[in-house]
């Protein structure tokens, strides 16, 4: 599977590392499994590392994913989510997702190109 998920048992912090080509169905399945995991904490931060992924989704699929995530997270506490990308093209696609989901959810979501910057934001209260 091109998405590896780790959930810290003490903090609930989630990392999702995506490599190669992946589908929106894989993202949906990953999220469903994470939300059902015994160590899942809705208030915990999450990092999606997309630096090793090939991102090529049509706009309509991005909208469907944002709708899915919005419904899945609707009754959960708003933990921060950082999306880490490595290329400008990926940045544009992911920012579109950030914008669409941001209109549907109170969950803070920000796109980054630097891992340390993403982690600082995730673990800083603001």
PDB file of N, CA and C in Angstrom:
ATOM      1  N   UNK A   1       0.848  -1.186   0.000  1.00  0.00           N
ATOM      2  CA  UNK A   1       0.000   0.000   0.000  1.00  0.00           C
ATOM      3  C   UNK A   1       0.888   1.241   0.000  1.00  0.00           C
ATOM      4  N   UNK A   2       0.583   2.226  -0.791  1.00  0.00           N
ATOM      5  CA  UNK A   2       1.448   3.404  -0.890  1.00  0.00           C
ATOM      6  C   UNK A   2       1.300   4.393   0.262  1.00  0.00           C
ATOM      7  N   UNK A   3       0.451   4.101   1.255  1.00  0.00           N
ATOM      8  CA  UNK A   3       0.305   4.999   2.401  1.00  0.00           C
ATOM      9  C   UNK A   3       0.604   4.218   3.672  1.00  0.00           C
ATOM     10  N   UNK A   4       1.634   4.670   4.382  1.00  0.00           N
ATOM     11  CA  UNK A   4       1.989   4.055   5.662  1.00  0.00           C
ATOM     12  C   UNK A   4       1.574   5.008   6.775  1.00  0.00           C
ATOM     13  N   UNK A   5       0.812   4.487   7.731  1.00  0.00           N
ATOM     14  CA  UNK A   5       0.323   5.308   8.834  1.00  0.00           C
ATOM     15  C   UNK A   5       0.926   4.844  10.146  1.00  0.00           C
ATOM     16  N   UNK A   6       1.382   5.806  10.947  1.00  0.00           N
ATOM     17  CA  UNK A   6       1.856   5.532  12.302  1.00  0.00           C
ATOM     18  C   UNK A   6       1.112   6.452  13.252  1.00  0.00           C
ATOM     19  N   UNK A   7       0.611   5.876  14.341  1.00  0.00           N
ATOM     20  CA  UNK A   7      -0.078   6.652  15.363  1.00  0.00           C
ATOM     21  C   UNK A   7       0.662   6.455  16.672  1.00  0.00           C
ATOM     22  N   UNK A   8       1.136   7.546  17.255  1.00  0.00           N
ATOM     23  CA  UNK A   8       1.843   7.487  18.521  1.00  0.00           C
ATOM     24  C   UNK A   8       0.847   7.148  19.624  1.00  0.00           C
ATOM     25  N   UNK A   9       1.106   6.055  20.346  1.00  0.00           N
ATOM     26  CA  UNK A   9       0.179   5.595  21.374  1.00  0.00           C
ATOM     27  C   UNK A   9       0.035   6.587  22.527  1.00  0.00           C
ATOM     28  N   UNK A  10       1.082   7.359  22.812  1.00  0.00           N
ATOM     29  CA  UNK A  10       1.030   8.303  23.937  1.00  0.00           C
ATOM     30  C   UNK A  10       0.316   9.606  23.585  1.00  0.00           C
ATOM     31  N   UNK A  11       0.584  10.129  22.398  1.00  0.00           N
ATOM     32  CA  UNK A  11       0.051  11.444  22.034  1.00  0.00           C
ATOM     33  C   UNK A  11      -1.088  11.396  21.027  1.00  0.00           C
ATOM     34  N   UNK A  12      -1.184  10.322  20.272  1.00  0.00           N
ATOM     35  CA  UNK A  12      -2.173  10.226  19.204  1.00  0.00           C
ATOM     36  C   UNK A  12      -1.713  10.879  17.904  1.00  0.00           C
ATOM     37  N   UNK A  13      -0.498  11.496  17.924  1.00  0.00           N
ATOM     38  CA  UNK A  13       0.029  12.142  16.712  1.00  0.00           C
ATOM     39  C   UNK A  13       0.123  11.112  15.589  1.00  0.00           C
ATOM     40  N   UNK A  14      -0.416  11.495  14.422  1.00  0.00           N
ATOM     41  CA  UNK A  14      -0.435  10.592  13.266  1.00  0.00           C
ATOM     42  C   UNK A  14       0.496  11.095  12.181  1.00  0.00           C
ATOM     43  N   UNK A  15       1.222  10.167  11.598  1.00  0.00           N
ATOM     44  CA  UNK A  15       1.957  10.476  10.376  1.00  0.00           C
ATOM     45  C   UNK A  15       1.461   9.521   9.302  1.00  0.00           C
ATOM     46  N   UNK A  16       1.204  10.102   8.142  1.00  0.00           N
ATOM     47  CA  UNK A  16       0.801   9.326   6.968  1.00  0.00           C
ATOM     48  C   UNK A  16       1.867   9.614   5.916  1.00  0.00           C
ATOM     49  N   UNK A  17       2.621   8.602   5.547  1.00  0.00           N
ATOM     50  CA  UNK A  17       3.671   8.766   4.550  1.00  0.00           C
ATOM     51  C   UNK A  17       3.202   8.125   3.254  1.00  0.00           C
ATOM     52  N   UNK A  18       3.113   8.946   2.222  1.00  0.00           N
ATOM     53  CA  UNK A  18       2.588   8.496   0.936  1.00  0.00           C
ATOM     54  C   UNK A  18       3.734   8.405  -0.061  1.00  0.00           C
ATOM     55  N   UNK A  19       3.832   7.262  -0.769  1.00  0.00           N
ATOM     56  CA  UNK A  19       4.873   7.087  -1.776  1.00  0.00           C
ATOM     57  C   UNK A  19       4.268   6.616  -3.092  1.00  0.00           C
ATOM     58  N   UNK A  20       4.859   7.076  -4.176  1.00  0.00           N
ATOM     59  CA  UNK A  20       4.433   6.669  -5.510  1.00  0.00           C
ATOM     60  C   UNK A  20       3.039   7.140  -5.861  1.00  0.00           C
ATOM     61  N   UNK A  21       2.471   6.489  -6.873  1.00  0.00           N
ATOM     62  CA  UNK A  21       1.107   6.810  -7.286  1.00  0.00           C
ATOM     63  C   UNK A  21       0.144   6.302  -6.226  1.00  0.00           C
ATOM     64  N   UNK A  22      -0.827   7.102  -5.906  1.00  0.00           N
ATOM     65  CA  UNK A  22      -1.844   6.649  -4.966  1.00  0.00           C
ATOM     66  C   UNK A  22      -3.180   7.201  -5.400  1.00  0.00           C
ATOM     67  N   UNK A  23      -4.222   6.549  -4.920  1.00  0.00           N
ATOM     68  CA  UNK A  23      -5.568   6.934  -5.338  1.00  0.00           C
ATOM     69  C   UNK A  23      -6.313   7.591  -4.184  1.00  0.00           C
ATOM     70  N   UNK A  24      -7.354   8.274  -4.530  1.00  0.00           N
ATOM     71  CA  UNK A  24      -8.190   8.863  -3.493  1.00  0.00           C
ATOM     72  C   UNK A  24      -8.864   7.777  -2.670  1.00  0.00           C
ATOM     73  N   UNK A  25      -9.120   6.619  -3.281  1.00  0.00           N
ATOM     74  CA  UNK A  25      -9.675   5.501  -2.515  1.00  0.00           C
ATOM     75  C   UNK A  25      -8.700   5.054  -1.432  1.00  0.00           C
ATOM     76  N   UNK A  26      -7.404   5.076  -1.734  1.00  0.00           N
ATOM     77  CA  UNK A  26      -6.396   4.714  -0.730  1.00  0.00           C
ATOM     78  C   UNK A  26      -6.401   5.719   0.418  1.00  0.00           C
ATOM     79  N   UNK A  27      -6.571   6.994   0.108  1.00  0.00           N
ATOM     80  CA  UNK A  27      -6.636   8.024   1.147  1.00  0.00           C
ATOM     81  C   UNK A  27      -7.881   7.808   2.005  1.00  0.00           C
ATOM     82  N   UNK A  28      -8.997   7.541   1.384  1.00  0.00           N
ATOM     83  CA  UNK A  28     -10.245   7.301   2.128  1.00  0.00           C
ATOM     84  C   UNK A  28     -10.092   6.110   3.077  1.00  0.00           C
ATOM     85  N   UNK A  29      -9.553   5.006   2.558  1.00  0.00           N
ATOM     86  CA  UNK A  29      -9.360   3.807   3.369  1.00  0.00           C
ATOM     87  C   UNK A  29      -8.409   4.090   4.526  1.00  0.00           C
ATOM     88  N   UNK A  30      -7.327   4.804   4.257  1.00  0.00           N
ATOM     89  CA  UNK A  30      -6.359   5.151   5.300  1.00  0.00           C
ATOM     90  C   UNK A  30      -7.023   5.949   6.410  1.00  0.00           C
ATOM     91  N   UNK A  31      -7.822   6.930   6.044  1.00  0.00           N
ATOM     92  CA  UNK A  31      -8.499   7.753   7.047  1.00  0.00           C
ATOM     93  C   UNK A  31      -9.523   6.951   7.841  1.00  0.00           C
ATOM     94  N   UNK A  32     -10.286   6.112   7.183  1.00  0.00           N
ATOM     95  CA  UNK A  32     -11.259   5.281   7.895  1.00  0.00           C
ATOM     96  C   UNK A  32     -10.560   4.386   8.910  1.00  0.00           C
ATOM     97  N   UNK A  33      -9.440   3.775   8.495  1.00  0.00           N
ATOM     98  CA  UNK A  33      -8.681   2.914   9.404  1.00  0.00           C
ATOM     99  C   UNK A  33      -8.078   3.711  10.562  1.00  0.00           C
ATOM    100  N   UNK A  34      -7.551   4.900  10.277  1.00  0.00           N
ATOM    101  CA  UNK A  34      -6.958   5.728  11.330  1.00  0.00           C
ATOM    102  C   UNK A  34      -8.019   6.136  12.346  1.00  0.00           C
ATOM    103  N   UNK A  35      -9.186   6.572  11.876  1.00  0.00           N
ATOM    104  CA  UNK A  35     -10.239   7.020  12.789  1.00  0.00           C
ATOM    105  C   UNK A  35     -10.786   5.866  13.620  1.00  0.00           C
ATOM    106  N   UNK A  36     -10.685   4.637  13.134  1.00  0.00           N
ATOM    107  CA  UNK A  36     -11.165   3.470  13.874  1.00  0.00           C
ATOM    108  C   UNK A  36     -10.086   2.866  14.783  1.00  0.00           C
ATOM    109  N   UNK A  37      -8.840   3.296  14.638  1.00  0.00           N
ATOM    110  CA  UNK A  37      -7.716   2.742  15.409  1.00  0.00           C
ATOM    111  C   UNK A  37      -7.868   3.062  16.898  1.00  0.00           C
ATOM    112  N   UNK A  38      -7.472   2.138  17.749  1.00  0.00           N
ATOM    113  CA  UNK A  38      -7.623   2.329  19.196  1.00  0.00           C
ATOM    114  C   UNK A  38      -6.782   3.485  19.740  1.00  0.00           C
ATOM    115  N   UNK A  39      -5.688   3.853  19.072  1.00  0.00           N
ATOM    116  CA  UNK A  39      -4.846   4.963  19.519  1.00  0.00           C
ATOM    117  C   UNK A  39      -5.242   6.311  18.900  1.00  0.00           C
ATOM    118  N   UNK A  40      -6.263   6.308  18.067  1.00  0.00           N
ATOM    119  CA  UNK A  40      -6.690   7.550  17.414  1.00  0.00           C
ATOM    120  C   UNK A  40      -7.230   8.531  18.445  1.00  0.00           C
ATOM    121  N   UNK A  41      -6.791   9.780  18.318  1.00  0.00           N
ATOM    122  CA  UNK A  41      -7.303  10.866  19.153  1.00  0.00           C
ATOM    123  C   UNK A  41      -7.662  12.012  18.214  1.00  0.00           C
ATOM    124  N   UNK A  42      -8.923  12.386  18.160  1.00  0.00           N
ATOM    125  CA  UNK A  42      -9.341  13.409  17.194  1.00  0.00           C
ATOM    126  C   UNK A  42      -8.687  14.767  17.414  1.00  0.00           C
ATOM    127  N   UNK A  43      -8.279  15.050  18.637  1.00  0.00           N
ATOM    128  CA  UNK A  43      -7.655  16.337  18.921  1.00  0.00           C
ATOM    129  C   UNK A  43      -6.167  16.369  18.586  1.00  0.00           C
ATOM    130  N   UNK A  44      -5.591  15.209  18.263  1.00  0.00           N
ATOM    131  CA  UNK A  44      -4.160  15.121  17.971  1.00  0.00           C
ATOM    132  C   UNK A  44      -3.844  15.635  16.566  1.00  0.00           C
ATOM    133  N   UNK A  45      -2.636  16.130  16.420  1.00  0.00           N
ATOM    134  CA  UNK A  45      -2.167  16.628  15.124  1.00  0.00           C
ATOM    135  C   UNK A  45      -1.859  15.474  14.181  1.00  0.00           C
ATOM    136  N   UNK A  46      -1.852  15.796  12.885  1.00  0.00           N
ATOM    137  CA  UNK A  46      -1.524  14.796  11.861  1.00  0.00           C
ATOM    138  C   UNK A  46      -0.637  15.434  10.798  1.00  0.00           C
ATOM    139  N   UNK A  47       0.309  14.656  10.325  1.00  0.00           N
ATOM    140  CA  UNK A  47       1.209  15.080   9.255  1.00  0.00           C
ATOM    141  C   UNK A  47       1.062  14.119   8.090  1.00  0.00           C
ATOM    142  N   UNK A  48       0.737  14.676   6.924  1.00  0.00           N
ATOM    143  CA  UNK A  48       0.702  13.898   5.686  1.00  0.00           C
ATOM    144  C   UNK A  48       1.965  14.249   4.914  1.00  0.00           C
ATOM    145  N   UNK A  49       2.897  13.303   4.822  1.00  0.00           N
ATOM    146  CA  UNK A  49       4.142  13.504   4.083  1.00  0.00           C
ATOM    147  C   UNK A  49       3.918  13.033   2.648  1.00  0.00           C
ATOM    148  N   UNK A  50       3.740  13.980   1.750  1.00  0.00           N
ATOM    149  CA  UNK A  50       3.457  13.688   0.342  1.00  0.00           C
ATOM    150  C   UNK A  50       4.687  13.895  -0.536  1.00  0.00           C
ATOM    151  N   UNK A  51       5.865  14.045   0.083  1.00  0.00           N
ATOM    152  CA  UNK A  51       7.073  14.353  -0.685  1.00  0.00           C
ATOM    153  C   UNK A  51       7.498  13.214  -1.598  1.00  0.00           C
ATOM    154  N   UNK A  52       7.113  11.987  -1.304  1.00  0.00           N
ATOM    155  CA  UNK A  52       7.462  10.850  -2.151  1.00  0.00           C
ATOM    156  C   UNK A  52       6.314  10.385  -3.016  1.00  0.00           C
ATOM    157  N   UNK A  53       5.257  11.193  -3.087  1.00  0.00           N
ATOM    158  CA  UNK A  53       4.053  10.799  -3.808  1.00  0.00           C
ATOM    159  C   UNK A  53       3.958  11.476  -5.166  1.00  0.00           C
ATOM    160  N   UNK A  54       3.249  10.821  -6.054  1.00  0.00           N
ATOM    161  CA  UNK A  54       2.882  11.412  -7.330  1.00  0.00           C
ATOM    162  C   UNK A  54       1.441  11.867  -7.191  1.00  0.00           C
ATOM    163  N   UNK A  55       1.228  13.175  -7.273  1.00  0.00           N
ATOM    164  CA  UNK A  55      -0.104  13.735  -7.068  1.00  0.00           C
ATOM    165  C   UNK A  55      -0.646  14.217  -8.408  1.00  0.00           C
ATOM    166  N   UNK A  56      -1.714  13.581  -8.845  1.00  0.00           N
ATOM    167  CA  UNK A  56      -2.321  13.946 -10.125  1.00  0.00           C
ATOM    168  C   UNK A  56      -3.809  13.638 -10.047  1.00  0.00           C
ATOM    169  N   UNK A  57      -4.546  14.497  -9.353  1.00  0.00           N
ATOM    170  CA  UNK A  57      -5.969  14.293  -9.182  1.00  0.00           C
ATOM    171  C   UNK A  57      -6.743  15.368  -9.908  1.00  0.00           C
ATOM    172  N   UNK A  58      -7.800  14.987 -10.617  1.00  0.00           N
ATOM    173  CA  UNK A  58      -8.677  15.992 -11.206  1.00  0.00           C
ATOM    174  C   UNK A  58      -9.375  16.791 -10.095  1.00  0.00           C
ATOM    175  N   UNK A  59      -9.735  18.015 -10.387  1.00  0.00           N
ATOM    176  CA  UNK A  59     -10.379  18.893  -9.409  1.00  0.00           C
ATOM    177  C   UNK A  59     -11.604  18.231  -8.786  1.00  0.00           C
ATOM    178  N   UNK A  60     -12.399  17.561  -9.579  1.00  0.00           N
ATOM    179  CA  UNK A  60     -13.616  16.938  -9.056  1.00  0.00           C
ATOM    180  C   UNK A  60     -13.295  15.873  -8.014  1.00  0.00           C
ATOM    181  N   UNK A  61     -12.222  15.105  -8.204  1.00  0.00           N
ATOM    182  CA  UNK A  61     -11.835  14.103  -7.207  1.00  0.00           C
ATOM    183  C   UNK A  61     -11.372  14.775  -5.919  1.00  0.00           C
ATOM    184  N   UNK A  62     -10.703  15.896  -6.041  1.00  0.00           N
ATOM    185  CA  UNK A  62     -10.264  16.635  -4.855  1.00  0.00           C
ATOM    186  C   UNK A  62     -11.483  17.114  -4.078  1.00  0.00           C
ATOM    187  N   UNK A  63     -12.499  17.569  -4.786  1.00  0.00           N
ATOM    188  CA  UNK A  63     -13.743  17.995  -4.124  1.00  0.00           C
ATOM    189  C   UNK A  63     -14.402  16.823  -3.395  1.00  0.00           C
ATOM    190  N   UNK A  64     -14.436  15.645  -4.030  1.00  0.00           N
ATOM    191  CA  UNK A  64     -15.022  14.459  -3.401  1.00  0.00           C
ATOM    192  C   UNK A  64     -14.250  14.084  -2.135  1.00  0.00           C
ATOM    193  N   UNK A  65     -12.925  14.152  -2.197  1.00  0.00           N
ATOM    194  CA  UNK A  65     -12.118  13.834  -1.024  1.00  0.00           C
ATOM    195  C   UNK A  65     -12.389  14.833   0.097  1.00  0.00           C
ATOM    196  N   UNK A  66     -12.431  16.108  -0.225  1.00  0.00           N
ATOM    197  CA  UNK A  66     -12.711  17.135   0.790  1.00  0.00           C
ATOM    198  C   UNK A  66     -14.085  16.907   1.413  1.00  0.00           C
ATOM    199  N   UNK A  67     -15.085  16.544   0.612  1.00  0.00           N
ATOM    200  CA  UNK A  67     -16.420  16.244   1.141  1.00  0.00           C
ATOM    201  C   UNK A  67     -16.356  15.061   2.101  1.00  0.00           C
ATOM    202  N   UNK A  68     -15.641  14.010   1.696  1.00  0.00           N
ATOM    203  CA  UNK A  68     -15.497  12.808   2.528  1.00  0.00           C
ATOM    204  C   UNK A  68     -14.842  13.147   3.862  1.00  0.00           C
ATOM    205  N   UNK A  69     -13.735  13.876   3.815  1.00  0.00           N
ATOM    206  CA  UNK A  69     -13.009  14.232   5.033  1.00  0.00           C
ATOM    207  C   UNK A  69     -13.852  15.143   5.912  1.00  0.00           C
ATOM    208  N   UNK A  70     -14.544  16.080   5.297  1.00  0.00           N
ATOM    209  CA  UNK A  70     -15.410  16.973   6.062  1.00  0.00           C
ATOM    210  C   UNK A  70     -16.471  16.207   6.836  1.00  0.00           C
ATOM    211  N   UNK A  71     -17.077  15.207   6.214  1.00  0.00           N
ATOM    212  CA  UNK A  71     -18.100  14.394   6.882  1.00  0.00           C
ATOM    213  C   UNK A  71     -17.480  13.490   7.942  1.00  0.00           C
ATOM    214  N   UNK A  72     -16.341  12.905   7.640  1.00  0.00           N
ATOM    215  CA  UNK A  72     -15.672  12.000   8.572  1.00  0.00           C
ATOM    216  C   UNK A  72     -15.244  12.741   9.830  1.00  0.00           C
ATOM    217  N   UNK A  73     -14.751  13.940   9.679  1.00  0.00           N
ATOM    218  CA  UNK A  73     -14.221  14.706  10.808  1.00  0.00           C
ATOM    219  C   UNK A  73     -15.255  15.616  11.452  1.00  0.00           C
ATOM    220  N   UNK A  74     -16.472  15.613  10.958  1.00  0.00           N
ATOM    221  CA  UNK A  74     -17.478  16.566  11.422  1.00  0.00           C
ATOM    222  C   UNK A  74     -17.725  16.509  12.921  1.00  0.00           C
ATOM    223  N   UNK A  75     -17.714  15.321  13.498  1.00  0.00           N
ATOM    224  CA  UNK A  75     -18.019  15.208  14.923  1.00  0.00           C
ATOM    225  C   UNK A  75     -16.756  15.021  15.768  1.00  0.00           C
ATOM    226  N   UNK A  76     -15.617  15.301  15.211  1.00  0.00           N
ATOM    227  CA  UNK A  76     -14.342  15.122  15.906  1.00  0.00           C
ATOM    228  C   UNK A  76     -13.755  16.474  16.296  1.00  0.00           C
ATOM    229  N   UNK A  77     -12.903  16.466  17.318  1.00  0.00           N
ATOM    230  CA  UNK A  77     -12.218  17.697  17.723  1.00  0.00           C
ATOM    231  C   UNK A  77     -11.252  18.129  16.619  1.00  0.00           C
ATOM    232  N   UNK A  78     -11.024  19.425  16.484  1.00  0.00           N
ATOM    233  CA  UNK A  78     -10.229  19.939  15.371  1.00  0.00           C
ATOM    234  C   UNK A  78      -8.711  19.888  15.584  1.00  0.00           C
ATOM    235  N   UNK A  79      -8.101  18.734  15.408  1.00  0.00           N
ATOM    236  CA  UNK A  79      -6.645  18.646  15.466  1.00  0.00           C
ATOM    237  C   UNK A  79      -6.035  19.225  14.202  1.00  0.00           C
ATOM    238  N   UNK A  80      -4.853  19.814  14.329  1.00  0.00           N
ATOM    239  CA  UNK A  80      -4.176  20.412  13.172  1.00  0.00           C
ATOM    240  C   UNK A  80      -3.715  19.332  12.194  1.00  0.00           C
ATOM    241  N   UNK A  81      -3.687  19.706  10.908  1.00  0.00           N
ATOM    242  CA  UNK A  81      -3.201  18.811   9.863  1.00  0.00           C
ATOM    243  C   UNK A  81      -2.212  19.579   8.994  1.00  0.00           C
ATOM    244  N   UNK A  82      -0.995  19.037   8.862  1.00  0.00           N
ATOM    245  CA  UNK A  82       0.017  19.614   7.970  1.00  0.00           C
ATOM    246  C   UNK A  82       0.166  18.694   6.770  1.00  0.00           C
ATOM    247  N   UNK A  83       0.194  19.297   5.585  1.00  0.00           N
ATOM    248  CA  UNK A  83       0.403  18.572   4.341  1.00  0.00           C
ATOM    249  C   UNK A  83       1.767  18.992   3.805  1.00  0.00           C
ATOM    250  N   UNK A  84       2.701  18.048   3.729  1.00  0.00           N
ATOM    251  CA  UNK A  84       4.066  18.334   3.303  1.00  0.00           C
ATOM    252  C   UNK A  84       4.254  17.897   1.857  1.00  0.00           C
ATOM    253  N   UNK A  85       4.646  18.836   0.999  1.00  0.00           N
ATOM    254  CA  UNK A  85       4.858  18.553  -0.420  1.00  0.00           C
ATOM    255  C   UNK A  85       6.262  18.976  -0.817  1.00  0.00           C
ATOM    256  N   UNK A  86       6.708  18.503  -1.979  1.00  0.00           N
ATOM    257  CA  UNK A  86       8.070  18.829  -2.405  1.00  0.00           C
ATOM    258  C   UNK A  86       8.135  19.603  -3.708  1.00  0.00           C
ATOM    259  N   UNK A  87       7.043  19.625  -4.459  1.00  0.00           N
ATOM    260  CA  UNK A  87       7.079  20.297  -5.760  1.00  0.00           C
ATOM    261  C   UNK A  87       6.001  21.355  -5.861  1.00  0.00           C
ATOM    262  N   UNK A  88       6.237  22.344  -6.695  1.00  0.00           N
ATOM    263  CA  UNK A  88       5.273  23.428  -6.889  1.00  0.00           C
ATOM    264  C   UNK A  88       3.940  22.900  -7.406  1.00  0.00           C
ATOM    265  N   UNK A  89       3.973  21.943  -8.331  1.00  0.00           N
ATOM    266  CA  UNK A  89       2.736  21.375  -8.878  1.00  0.00           C
ATOM    267  C   UNK A  89       1.931  20.718  -7.760  1.00  0.00           C
ATOM    268  N   UNK A  90       2.612  19.918  -6.928  1.00  0.00           N
ATOM    269  CA  UNK A  90       1.939  19.272  -5.807  1.00  0.00           C
ATOM    270  C   UNK A  90       1.374  20.316  -4.859  1.00  0.00           C
ATOM    271  N   UNK A  91       2.138  21.372  -4.639  1.00  0.00           N
ATOM    272  CA  UNK A  91       1.721  22.454  -3.755  1.00  0.00           C
ATOM    273  C   UNK A  91       0.395  23.041  -4.244  1.00  0.00           C
ATOM    274  N   UNK A  92       0.261  23.247  -5.536  1.00  0.00           N
ATOM    275  CA  UNK A  92      -0.962  23.814  -6.095  1.00  0.00           C
ATOM    276  C   UNK A  92      -2.155  22.897  -5.917  1.00  0.00           C
ATOM    277  N   UNK A  93      -1.984  21.606  -6.186  1.00  0.00           N
ATOM    278  CA  UNK A  93      -3.075  20.638  -6.049  1.00  0.00           C
ATOM    279  C   UNK A  93      -3.494  20.535  -4.586  1.00  0.00           C
ATOM    280  N   UNK A  94      -2.518  20.466  -3.696  1.00  0.00           N
ATOM    281  CA  UNK A  94      -2.813  20.311  -2.275  1.00  0.00           C
ATOM    282  C   UNK A  94      -3.422  21.590  -1.700  1.00  0.00           C
ATOM    283  N   UNK A  95      -2.974  22.744  -2.174  1.00  0.00           N
ATOM    284  CA  UNK A  95      -3.574  24.005  -1.710  1.00  0.00           C
ATOM    285  C   UNK A  95      -5.046  24.092  -2.137  1.00  0.00           C
ATOM    286  N   UNK A  96      -5.367  23.521  -3.297  1.00  0.00           N
ATOM    287  CA  UNK A  96      -6.761  23.484  -3.732  1.00  0.00           C
ATOM    288  C   UNK A  96      -7.576  22.659  -2.728  1.00  0.00           C
ATOM    289  N   UNK A  97      -7.029  21.521  -2.316  1.00  0.00           N
ATOM    290  CA  UNK A  97      -7.681  20.674  -1.317  1.00  0.00           C
ATOM    291  C   UNK A  97      -7.837  21.448  -0.005  1.00  0.00           C
ATOM    292  N   UNK A  98      -6.770  22.121   0.411  1.00  0.00           N
ATOM    293  CA  UNK A  98      -6.784  22.916   1.643  1.00  0.00           C
ATOM    294  C   UNK A  98      -7.908  23.955   1.598  1.00  0.00           C
ATOM    295  N   UNK A  99      -8.054  24.624   0.477  1.00  0.00           N
ATOM    296  CA  UNK A  99      -9.069  25.662   0.320  1.00  0.00           C
ATOM    297  C   UNK A  99     -10.474  25.077   0.352  1.00  0.00           C
ATOM    298  N   UNK A 100     -10.681  23.982  -0.376  1.00  0.00           N
ATOM    299  CA  UNK A 100     -12.011  23.361  -0.428  1.00  0.00           C
ATOM    300  C   UNK A 100     -12.397  22.837   0.949  1.00  0.00           C
ATOM    301  N   UNK A 101     -11.508  22.096   1.597  1.00  0.00           N
ATOM    302  CA  UNK A 101     -11.828  21.528   2.902  1.00  0.00           C
ATOM    303  C   UNK A 101     -11.943  22.622   3.954  1.00  0.00           C
ATOM    304  N   UNK A 102     -11.131  23.648   3.846  1.00  0.00           N
ATOM    305  CA  UNK A 102     -11.177  24.744   4.811  1.00  0.00           C
ATOM    306  C   UNK A 102     -12.532  25.400   4.888  1.00  0.00           C
ATOM    307  N   UNK A 103     -13.274  25.377   3.803  1.00  0.00           N
ATOM    308  CA  UNK A 103     -14.615  25.945   3.805  1.00  0.00           C
ATOM    309  C   UNK A 103     -15.645  25.040   4.449  1.00  0.00           C
ATOM    310  N   UNK A 104     -15.268  23.768   4.700  1.00  0.00           N
ATOM    311  CA  UNK A 104     -16.213  22.793   5.242  1.00  0.00           C
ATOM    312  C   UNK A 104     -15.894  22.353   6.658  1.00  0.00           C
ATOM    313  N   UNK A 105     -14.705  22.659   7.141  1.00  0.00           N
ATOM    314  CA  UNK A 105     -14.253  22.099   8.407  1.00  0.00           C
ATOM    315  C   UNK A 105     -13.565  23.162   9.252  1.00  0.00           C
ATOM    316  N   UNK A 106     -13.633  22.972  10.557  1.00  0.00           N
ATOM    317  CA  UNK A 106     -12.902  23.870  11.461  1.00  0.00           C
ATOM    318  C   UNK A 106     -11.484  23.368  11.702  1.00  0.00           C
ATOM    319  N   UNK A 107     -11.144  22.238  11.129  1.00  0.00           N
ATOM    320  CA  UNK A 107      -9.828  21.638  11.297  1.00  0.00           C
ATOM    321  C   UNK A 107      -8.782  22.495  10.584  1.00  0.00           C
ATOM    322  N   UNK A 108      -7.782  23.014  11.326  1.00  0.00           N
ATOM    323  CA  UNK A 108      -6.732  23.820  10.679  1.00  0.00           C
ATOM    324  C   UNK A 108      -5.851  22.949   9.780  1.00  0.00           C
ATOM    325  N   UNK A 109      -5.761  23.308   8.503  1.00  0.00           N
ATOM    326  CA  UNK A 109      -4.968  22.561   7.526  1.00  0.00           C
ATOM    327  C   UNK A 109      -4.067  23.547   6.799  1.00  0.00           C
ATOM    328  N   UNK A 110      -2.758  23.232   6.767  1.00  0.00           N
ATOM    329  CA  UNK A 110      -1.799  24.111   6.102  1.00  0.00           C
ATOM    330  C   UNK A 110      -0.827  23.259   5.286  1.00  0.00           C
ATOM    331  N   UNK A 111      -0.460  23.776   4.112  1.00  0.00           N
ATOM    332  CA  UNK A 111       0.503  23.119   3.229  1.00  0.00           C
ATOM    333  C   UNK A 111       1.896  23.675   3.506  1.00  0.00           C
ATOM    334  N   UNK A 112       2.876  22.781   3.579  1.00  0.00           N
ATOM    335  CA  UNK A 112       4.271  23.157   3.821  1.00  0.00           C
ATOM    336  C   UNK A 112       5.180  22.474   2.812  1.00  0.00           C
ATOM    337  N   UNK A 113       6.363  23.046   2.641  1.00  0.00           N
ATOM    338  CA  UNK A 113       7.417  22.411   1.842  1.00  0.00           C
ATOM    339  C   UNK A 113       8.623  22.039   2.701  1.00  0.00           C
ATOM    340  N   UNK A 114       8.577  22.394   3.982  1.00  0.00           N
ATOM    341  CA  UNK A 114       9.691  22.131   4.884  1.00  0.00           C
ATOM    342  C   UNK A 114       9.179  21.336   6.099  1.00  0.00           C
ATOM    343  N   UNK A 115       9.775  20.177   6.351  1.00  0.00           N
ATOM    344  CA  UNK A 115       9.337  19.288   7.431  1.00  0.00           C
ATOM    345  C   UNK A 115       9.425  19.968   8.795  1.00  0.00           C
ATOM    346  N   UNK A 116      10.527  20.635   9.077  1.00  0.00           N
ATOM    347  CA  UNK A 116      10.697  21.268  10.385  1.00  0.00           C
ATOM    348  C   UNK A 116       9.678  22.377  10.609  1.00  0.00           C
ATOM    349  N   UNK A 117       9.406  23.152   9.576  1.00  0.00           N
ATOM    350  CA  UNK A 117       8.400  24.212   9.670  1.00  0.00           C
ATOM    351  C   UNK A 117       7.018  23.606   9.945  1.00  0.00           C
ATOM    352  N   UNK A 118       6.714  22.504   9.265  1.00  0.00           N
ATOM    353  CA  UNK A 118       5.425  21.833   9.466  1.00  0.00           C
ATOM    354  C   UNK A 118       5.299  21.341  10.907  1.00  0.00           C
ATOM    355  N   UNK A 119       6.349  20.727  11.428  1.00  0.00           N
ATOM    356  CA  UNK A 119       6.305  20.207  12.801  1.00  0.00           C
ATOM    357  C   UNK A 119       6.199  21.338  13.821  1.00  0.00           C
ATOM    358  N   UNK A 120       6.923  22.438  13.581  1.00  0.00           N
ATOM    359  CA  UNK A 120       6.811  23.584  14.493  1.00  0.00           C
ATOM    360  C   UNK A 120       5.361  24.070  14.565  1.00  0.00           C
ATOM    361  N   UNK A 121       4.735  24.200  13.396  1.00  0.00           N
ATOM    362  CA  UNK A 121       3.346  24.664  13.352  1.00  0.00           C
ATOM    363  C   UNK A 121       2.421  23.665  14.053  1.00  0.00           C
ATOM    364  N   UNK A 122       2.621  22.370  13.797  1.00  0.00           N
ATOM    365  CA  UNK A 122       1.758  21.353  14.382  1.00  0.00           C
ATOM    366  C   UNK A 122       1.796  21.365  15.916  1.00  0.00           C
ATOM    367  N   UNK A 123       2.978  21.621  16.465  1.00  0.00           N
ATOM    368  CA  UNK A 123       3.149  21.506  17.920  1.00  0.00           C
ATOM    369  C   UNK A 123       3.217  22.848  18.632  1.00  0.00           C
ATOM    370  N   UNK A 124       2.776  23.905  17.965  1.00  0.00           N
ATOM    371  CA  UNK A 124       2.697  25.211  18.585  1.00  0.00           C
ATOM    372  C   UNK A 124       1.240  25.556  18.816  1.00  0.00           C
ATOM    373  N   UNK A 125       0.920  25.953  20.024  1.00  0.00           N
ATOM    374  CA  UNK A 125      -0.452  26.371  20.314  1.00  0.00           C
ATOM    375  C   UNK A 125      -0.671  27.755  19.762  1.00  0.00           C
ATOM    376  N   UNK A 126      -1.737  27.893  18.996  1.00  0.00           N
ATOM    377  CA  UNK A 126      -2.103  29.221  18.485  1.00  0.00           C
ATOM    378  C   UNK A 126      -3.578  29.346  18.275  1.00  0.00           C
TER     379      UNK A 126
END
